Amino acid sequence: MSRTRSTRVPWLRLVIFRLACHGHRALFRRLFRPLTVTLAKLDEPLGACAPALFSYFAGVTLVAKLYVGNLPFSATDDAVRELFAKHGTVEKVALITDRETGRPRGFGFVEMSNADASRAMQALNGADMDGRALKVNEAQDREQSNGGSRGPRRY
């Protein structure tokens, strides 16, 4: 007796499809790339494969990206890392610089685990760094630009 397609894991395929298609490509790559090879070979009903899937996701910690604005122009990666390290483990710090001059633009991004990020946001939003009140909140995805155009074409 062969198993029908309905006994496999359709909900997981749907989750993978939604993550891949709805702007969460980085999360998709991080979570599912090692698992997709396994899914291709998966021929078990949901009840048999669920424990393996849950154990796979148990060790995954999601990382939140924080926007840090109004930074002093003298701020360095190490100084920002040290400031945020008081509130949890810092995965990555990126201070944005001007493309042409190489000078800092006064903002950057910090990646931390979700729990640490929420604590850091509450503690550091409005905090003083070299005489400037920091603005810390969750980073928003960039809007898709249409190539620098100021509006729709009119012809």
Protein backbone atom coordinates (compact mmCIF):
# COMPACT_ATOMS: atom_id res chain seq x y z
CA MET A 1 0.00 0.00 0.00
CA SER A 2 1.54 3.29 -1.03
CA ARG A 3 1.04 6.40 0.98
CA THR A 4 -0.90 9.25 -0.51
CA ARG A 5 0.42 12.78 -0.72
CA SER A 6 -2.00 13.92 1.99
CA THR A 7 -0.21 11.89 4.69
CA ARG A 8 3.00 13.85 4.17
CA VAL A 9 3.67 17.28 5.64
CA PRO A 10 1.57 19.75 3.63
CA TRP A 11 1.45 22.40 6.37
CA LEU A 12 5.23 22.53 6.54
CA ARG A 13 5.51 23.00 2.79
CA LEU A 14 3.01 25.85 3.08
CA VAL A 15 5.07 27.49 5.85
CA ILE A 16 8.22 27.16 3.75
CA PHE A 17 6.43 28.65 0.73
CA ARG A 18 5.09 31.61 2.72
CA LEU A 19 8.46 32.39 4.30
CA ALA A 20 10.21 32.19 0.95
CA CYS A 21 7.68 34.38 -0.86
CA HIS A 22 6.76 37.06 1.66
CA GLY A 23 9.98 38.96 2.21
CA HIS A 24 11.50 36.69 4.83
CA ARG A 25 14.22 35.25 2.62
CA ALA A 26 17.00 35.62 5.21
CA LEU A 27 14.95 33.82 7.84
CA PHE A 28 13.99 31.17 5.26
CA ARG A 29 17.63 30.54 4.35
CA ARG A 30 18.69 30.35 7.97
CA LEU A 31 15.93 28.01 9.13
CA PHE A 32 15.10 25.79 6.19
CA ARG A 33 18.14 25.39 3.95
CA PRO A 34 19.48 22.34 5.87
CA LEU A 35 15.94 20.99 6.20
CA THR A 36 14.90 21.16 2.53
CA VAL A 37 17.18 18.27 1.61
CA THR A 38 15.52 16.20 4.33
CA LEU A 39 12.04 17.23 3.17
CA ALA A 40 12.75 16.01 -0.33
CA LYS A 41 13.33 12.52 1.09
CA LEU A 42 10.57 12.68 3.69
CA ASP A 43 8.06 9.87 3.20
CA GLU A 44 6.53 9.54 6.65
CA PRO A 45 3.18 10.62 8.05
CA LEU A 46 3.06 13.75 10.15
CA GLY A 47 2.95 11.89 13.48
CA ALA A 48 6.23 10.12 12.79
CA CYS A 49 8.19 13.15 11.60
CA ALA A 50 6.87 15.80 14.02
CA PRO A 51 9.34 15.04 16.87
CA ALA A 52 12.29 15.38 14.51
CA LEU A 53 10.99 18.70 13.16
CA PHE A 54 10.35 20.11 16.62
CA SER A 55 13.81 19.11 17.82
CA TYR A 56 15.27 20.79 14.73
CA PHE A 57 13.58 24.10 15.58
CA ALA A 58 14.21 23.91 19.35
CA GLY A 59 17.77 25.24 19.09
CA VAL A 60 16.92 28.10 16.75
CA THR A 61 16.94 31.57 18.28
CA LEU A 62 15.53 34.35 16.18
CA VAL A 63 17.59 37.48 15.86
CA ALA A 64 16.03 40.94 15.94
CA LYS A 65 17.57 43.84 14.06
CA LEU A 66 17.49 47.16 15.89
CA TYR A 67 17.77 50.60 14.34
CA VAL A 68 19.99 52.95 16.35
CA GLY A 69 19.57 56.59 15.36
CA ASN A 70 21.04 59.92 16.40
CA LEU A 71 24.44 58.36 17.05
CA PRO A 72 27.34 60.77 17.57
CA PHE A 73 29.59 60.93 14.53
CA SER A 74 32.48 59.83 16.74
CA ALA A 75 30.77 56.50 17.58
CA THR A 76 32.58 53.31 16.60
CA ASP A 77 31.40 49.72 16.18
CA ASP A 78 33.17 48.76 19.40
CA ALA A 79 31.58 51.58 21.41
CA VAL A 80 28.08 50.67 20.21
CA ARG A 81 28.73 46.96 20.81
CA GLU A 82 29.90 47.73 24.36
CA LEU A 83 26.80 49.85 25.02
CA PHE A 84 24.40 47.14 23.85
CA ALA A 85 26.37 44.26 25.41
CA LYS A 86 25.19 45.43 28.84
CA HIS A 87 21.71 44.24 27.84
CA GLY A 88 22.53 40.92 26.16
CA THR A 89 24.63 39.21 23.52
CA VAL A 90 25.27 41.31 20.43
CA GLU A 91 25.41 39.30 17.20
CA LYS A 92 26.38 42.08 14.79
CA VAL A 93 26.89 45.84 14.67
CA ALA A 94 26.81 47.84 11.44
CA LEU A 95 27.30 51.62 11.45
CA ILE A 96 26.30 53.23 8.17
CA THR A 97 28.82 55.47 6.41
CA ASP A 98 28.48 57.81 3.47
CA ARG A 99 29.40 56.10 0.22
CA GLU A 100 31.36 58.99 -1.22
CA THR A 101 33.09 60.52 1.81
CA GLY A 102 33.34 57.47 4.08
CA ARG A 103 32.17 59.55 7.06
CA PRO A 104 29.54 58.17 9.47
CA ARG A 105 25.91 59.08 8.78
CA GLY A 106 24.81 58.98 12.44
CA PHE A 107 22.83 55.76 12.49
CA GLY A 108 23.38 52.03 12.42
CA PHE A 109 21.94 48.60 13.10
CA VAL A 110 22.49 46.10 15.91
CA GLU A 111 21.45 42.45 15.79
CA MET A 112 20.55 40.69 19.06
CA SER A 113 18.28 37.83 20.14
CA ASN A 114 14.62 38.82 20.49
CA ALA A 115 14.55 38.85 24.30
CA ASP A 116 17.79 40.83 24.57
CA ALA A 117 16.65 43.24 21.86
CA SER A 118 13.43 44.15 23.66
CA ARG A 119 15.35 44.82 26.88
CA ALA A 120 17.91 46.94 25.03
CA MET A 121 15.18 48.94 23.26
CA GLN A 122 13.48 49.80 26.53
CA ALA A 123 16.71 50.67 28.31
CA LEU A 124 18.55 52.58 25.58
CA ASN A 125 15.82 54.49 23.73
CA GLY A 126 16.46 58.09 24.77
CA ALA A 127 19.72 57.20 26.55
CA ASP A 128 22.60 59.64 26.28
CA MET A 129 25.72 58.82 24.24
CA ASP A 130 28.30 61.60 23.98
CA GLY A 131 25.64 64.27 24.54
CA ARG A 132 23.10 62.85 22.05
CA ALA A 133 19.84 61.08 22.92
CA LEU A 134 19.76 57.76 21.08
CA LYS A 135 16.72 56.59 19.20
CA VAL A 136 16.43 52.78 19.39
CA ASN A 137 13.62 50.79 17.82
CA GLU A 138 13.07 47.70 15.74
CA ALA A 139 14.41 48.08 12.20
CA GLN A 140 11.84 48.23 9.42
CA ASP A 141 12.31 46.51 6.06
CA ARG A 142 13.41 48.82 3.30
CA GLU A 143 10.70 49.88 0.92
CA GLN A 144 11.19 48.83 -2.67
CA SER A 145 12.29 51.81 -4.69
CA ASN A 146 11.45 52.25 -8.33
CA GLY A 147 14.91 53.26 -9.47
CA GLY A 148 14.97 56.82 -8.14
CA SER A 149 11.93 57.95 -10.08
CA ARG A 150 9.69 60.53 -8.46
CA GLY A 151 6.47 58.96 -9.55
CA PRO A 152 4.77 56.83 -12.17
CA ARG A 153 5.53 57.38 -15.81
CA ARG A 154 2.99 59.51 -17.59
CA TYR A 155 3.30 58.38 -21.17
